[in-house]
């Protein structure tokens, strides 16, 4: 059984093929598409079981940009965890995408393991929010809504500067929320935090 079903949307044939191969090698089931409309058309005709799913999409594409695809998914009520892959110049767009609910973004070129981990974290995060998760829940309930947002972005491996940009607050305020959040959860390191955040703590 595959670890999760990944929908890969990228107009670059070489990148799409090599990334699909990488993810299949890592144990994922992959369906790849050259454009957002092609993905939406196929997804709309699928029967969706309860298995884990994640969408990996480029941001800058012809026909439909990654942000337009994200907006269309929201309009249709499709709550797929979404990981964007982006060129360096698209980071402000990616920050905007995270403000609108994307799970993560990775700048090209990125390491194979970085993509696999981003997908696993996005899927686990979606599962814990959908099913309530176990183990970390009591502690997570102590967090303020802002501390929860900071935690989600820390778990997505985002530095304080990006977290500040996504949330529209200062880096100092991020540091304060981050410190309060770690104290409330009783964790001292990122690995400990990830266990609690993903329901394994």
Foldseek 3Di string as FASTA:
>chain_A
DAQAEEEEEALDVVVQVVLCVLRVVVRYHYDYDNHLVVVVVVVVPDDDDPTFYAYEYEADDPPAGPQRSVVVCVVVVNDHAYEYEYAPVCLLVVLQVVLVPHQYYHYPPDDSVLVVQSSVLSRLLVCCVVVVAADLNVLVVPADPLLLLLLSVVLNVDDLVSSCSSVVHDSVVSVVSPVVSCVSSVHDDSVVSSCSSSRND
